[in-house]
Amino acid sequence: MSSRAKKAKENKKTEPVKRVKPVRPPGKPPEAMVTSRHGTEFVTRQGRGYSMGELSGAGLSRNLAFNWGLRLDPRRRSVVDGNVLSLKSWNSHPGVTKKTEGVAKEIEEEVEKVGRGVKKGAVRVEKEAQKVEHEVREEAVRAEKAVRRKPKPKKKKKS
């Protein structure tokens, strides 16, 4: 067998790696904002789209941004920190995290309720045990007193 055939056979054995497709965040994507100068003032206005530097700063690729419907401005070279932050916050899936946080809170509350119930049950059992123990002690004391008291012999009547 030639070396090419061996390599081809080895390549067939390895399974292809399944890619996980990133989920588009819910809601509308944020608009890109740019700062422009009008005379001596700086004005913030809506831009045509995000620059590649802003996308890479937010950890998004060009293709992913295009597929998600983000507007791109290939002419822009500036990186506005506010745009990077808005992209990061939009990409953090706030709807999904709220759901998972809600589920986690519900689980914690349920655990607390069960814990409280167990504590209450344990307290009840402990109180019952104390009552039974007290009753047993009282019964033992009564039995001791009964043993200590010897009945006096009855006197016979003289007839």
Protein backbone atom coordinates (compact mmCIF):
# COMPACT_ATOMS: atom_id res chain seq x y z
CA MET A 1 0.00 0.00 0.00
CA SER A 2 1.35 3.40 -0.91
CA SER A 3 1.74 6.18 1.61
CA ARG A 4 -1.04 8.17 -0.08
CA ALA A 5 -3.44 5.29 0.26
CA LYS A 6 -2.53 4.87 3.93
CA LYS A 7 -3.13 8.56 4.61
CA ALA A 8 -6.46 8.45 2.77
CA LYS A 9 -7.51 5.44 4.83
CA GLU A 10 -6.53 7.20 8.08
CA ASN A 11 -8.46 10.31 7.05
CA LYS A 12 -11.59 8.23 6.43
CA LYS A 13 -11.46 6.88 9.97
CA THR A 14 -11.66 10.29 11.62
CA GLU A 15 -15.15 11.65 11.97
CA PRO A 16 -15.84 15.16 10.79
CA VAL A 17 -16.03 17.76 13.53
CA LYS A 18 -19.54 19.10 13.99
CA ARG A 19 -19.64 22.85 14.19
CA VAL A 20 -21.93 24.52 16.63
CA LYS A 21 -23.84 27.25 14.87
CA PRO A 22 -24.02 30.39 17.04
CA VAL A 23 -27.53 31.48 17.89
CA ARG A 24 -28.62 34.95 16.87
CA PRO A 25 -29.35 37.09 19.91
CA PRO A 26 -33.01 38.04 20.37
CA GLY A 27 -34.26 41.50 19.57
CA LYS A 28 -33.14 44.12 17.12
CA PRO A 29 -29.42 44.65 16.67
CA PRO A 30 -28.18 47.97 18.05
CA GLU A 31 -27.46 50.81 15.66
CA ALA A 32 -23.89 51.96 15.06
CA MET A 33 -23.20 55.44 16.39
CA VAL A 34 -20.44 57.69 15.07
CA THR A 35 -19.07 61.03 16.20
CA SER A 36 -18.71 63.75 13.59
CA ARG A 37 -17.51 67.31 13.87
CA HIS A 38 -19.71 70.21 12.84
CA GLY A 39 -17.68 73.38 13.20
CA THR A 40 -16.32 73.37 16.74
CA GLU A 41 -18.85 70.87 18.12
CA PHE A 42 -18.75 67.09 18.13
CA VAL A 43 -22.08 65.49 17.34
CA THR A 44 -23.01 61.84 17.84
CA ARG A 45 -25.25 60.49 15.11
CA GLN A 46 -26.37 57.19 13.67
CA GLY A 47 -23.77 55.69 11.34
CA ARG A 48 -24.14 53.53 8.24
CA GLY A 49 -22.87 50.43 10.02
CA TYR A 50 -20.17 48.92 12.20
CA SER A 51 -16.49 48.94 11.31
CA MET A 52 -14.48 45.72 11.16
CA GLY A 53 -12.52 46.84 14.21
CA GLU A 54 -15.73 47.15 16.24
CA LEU A 55 -16.85 43.68 15.13
CA SER A 56 -13.53 42.09 16.06
CA GLY A 57 -13.56 43.98 19.38
CA ALA A 58 -16.95 42.43 20.14
CA GLY A 59 -15.72 38.99 19.07
CA LEU A 60 -17.86 38.68 15.93
CA SER A 61 -16.75 37.66 12.46
CA ARG A 62 -17.77 39.45 9.27
CA ASN A 63 -19.79 36.48 8.00
CA LEU A 64 -21.59 36.04 11.31
CA ALA A 65 -22.47 39.73 11.43
CA PHE A 66 -23.76 39.56 7.87
CA ASN A 67 -25.86 36.46 8.64
CA TRP A 68 -27.29 38.08 11.75
CA GLY A 69 -28.29 41.19 9.82
CA LEU A 70 -25.80 43.64 11.31
CA ARG A 71 -25.03 46.58 9.05
CA LEU A 72 -21.38 46.92 8.05
CA ASP A 73 -19.56 50.01 6.84
CA PRO A 74 -16.38 48.80 5.11
CA ARG A 75 -15.10 52.37 4.68
CA ARG A 76 -15.01 53.14 8.37
CA ARG A 77 -11.74 52.49 10.19
CA SER A 78 -12.53 54.02 13.56
CA VAL A 79 -13.43 51.96 16.62
CA VAL A 80 -15.99 53.55 18.93
CA ASP A 81 -15.98 51.97 22.40
CA GLY A 82 -19.72 52.53 22.80
CA ASN A 83 -20.41 50.50 19.67
CA VAL A 84 -18.21 47.64 20.88
CA LEU A 85 -20.00 47.64 24.27
CA SER A 86 -23.45 47.71 22.66
CA LEU A 87 -22.52 44.77 20.40
CA LYS A 88 -21.14 42.81 23.37
CA SER A 89 -24.22 43.44 25.47
CA TRP A 90 -26.54 42.51 22.58
CA ASN A 91 -24.53 39.35 21.93
CA SER A 92 -24.69 38.28 25.59
CA HIS A 93 -28.22 36.90 24.99
CA PRO A 94 -30.11 38.80 27.71
CA GLY A 95 -33.35 36.92 27.05
CA VAL A 96 -31.73 33.53 27.50
CA THR A 97 -29.82 34.50 30.65
CA LYS A 98 -32.97 35.93 32.24
CA LYS A 99 -34.75 32.64 31.65
CA THR A 100 -31.93 30.59 33.12
CA GLU A 101 -31.60 32.98 36.06
CA GLY A 102 -35.34 32.65 36.67
CA VAL A 103 -35.11 28.86 36.62
CA ALA A 104 -32.12 28.96 38.96
CA LYS A 105 -34.00 31.22 41.38
CA GLU A 106 -37.02 28.91 41.29
CA ILE A 107 -34.82 25.93 42.04
CA GLU A 108 -33.13 27.76 44.93
CA GLU A 109 -36.52 28.77 46.36
CA GLU A 110 -37.75 25.18 46.09
CA VAL A 111 -34.64 23.92 47.85
CA GLU A 112 -35.15 26.49 50.61
CA LYS A 113 -38.80 25.43 51.02
CA VAL A 114 -37.82 21.78 51.22
CA GLY A 115 -35.03 22.66 53.64
CA ARG A 116 -37.44 24.63 55.82
CA GLY A 117 -39.90 21.72 55.73
CA VAL A 118 -37.17 19.30 56.71
CA LYS A 119 -36.07 21.58 59.53
CA LYS A 120 -39.66 21.94 60.74
CA GLY A 121 -40.12 18.18 60.52
CA ALA A 122 -36.89 17.61 62.39
CA VAL A 123 -37.96 20.07 65.08
CA ARG A 124 -41.33 18.33 65.37
CA VAL A 125 -39.67 14.92 65.65
CA GLU A 126 -37.23 16.27 68.23
CA LYS A 127 -40.09 17.74 70.31
CA GLU A 128 -42.00 14.47 70.09
CA ALA A 129 -38.89 12.58 71.16
CA GLN A 130 -38.45 14.93 74.12
CA LYS A 131 -42.10 14.40 75.13
CA VAL A 132 -41.76 10.63 74.92
CA GLU A 133 -38.49 10.75 76.85
CA HIS A 134 -40.12 12.90 79.53
CA GLU A 135 -43.06 10.49 79.80
CA VAL A 136 -40.70 7.53 80.08
CA ARG A 137 -38.74 9.24 82.86
CA GLU A 138 -41.95 10.07 84.75
CA GLU A 139 -43.08 6.46 84.41
CA ALA A 140 -39.71 5.24 85.70
CA VAL A 141 -39.92 7.61 88.68
CA ARG A 142 -43.44 6.38 89.46
CA ALA A 143 -42.26 2.77 89.24
CA GLU A 144 -39.35 3.49 91.61
CA LYS A 145 -41.66 5.13 94.10
CA ALA A 146 -44.02 2.17 93.90
CA VAL A 147 -41.14 -0.23 94.59
CA ARG A 148 -39.87 1.86 97.53
CA ARG A 149 -43.25 1.97 99.12
CA LYS A 150 -43.85 -1.31 100.68
CA PRO A 151 -47.38 -1.96 101.63
CA LYS A 152 -47.81 -2.02 105.36
CA PRO A 153 -48.91 -5.34 106.66
CA LYS A 154 -52.50 -5.29 107.66
CA LYS A 155 -53.20 -5.69 111.29
CA LYS A 156 -55.46 -8.48 112.21
CA LYS A 157 -58.45 -7.60 114.18
CA LYS A 158 -58.82 -9.32 117.47
CA SER A 159 -61.96 -11.15 117.67
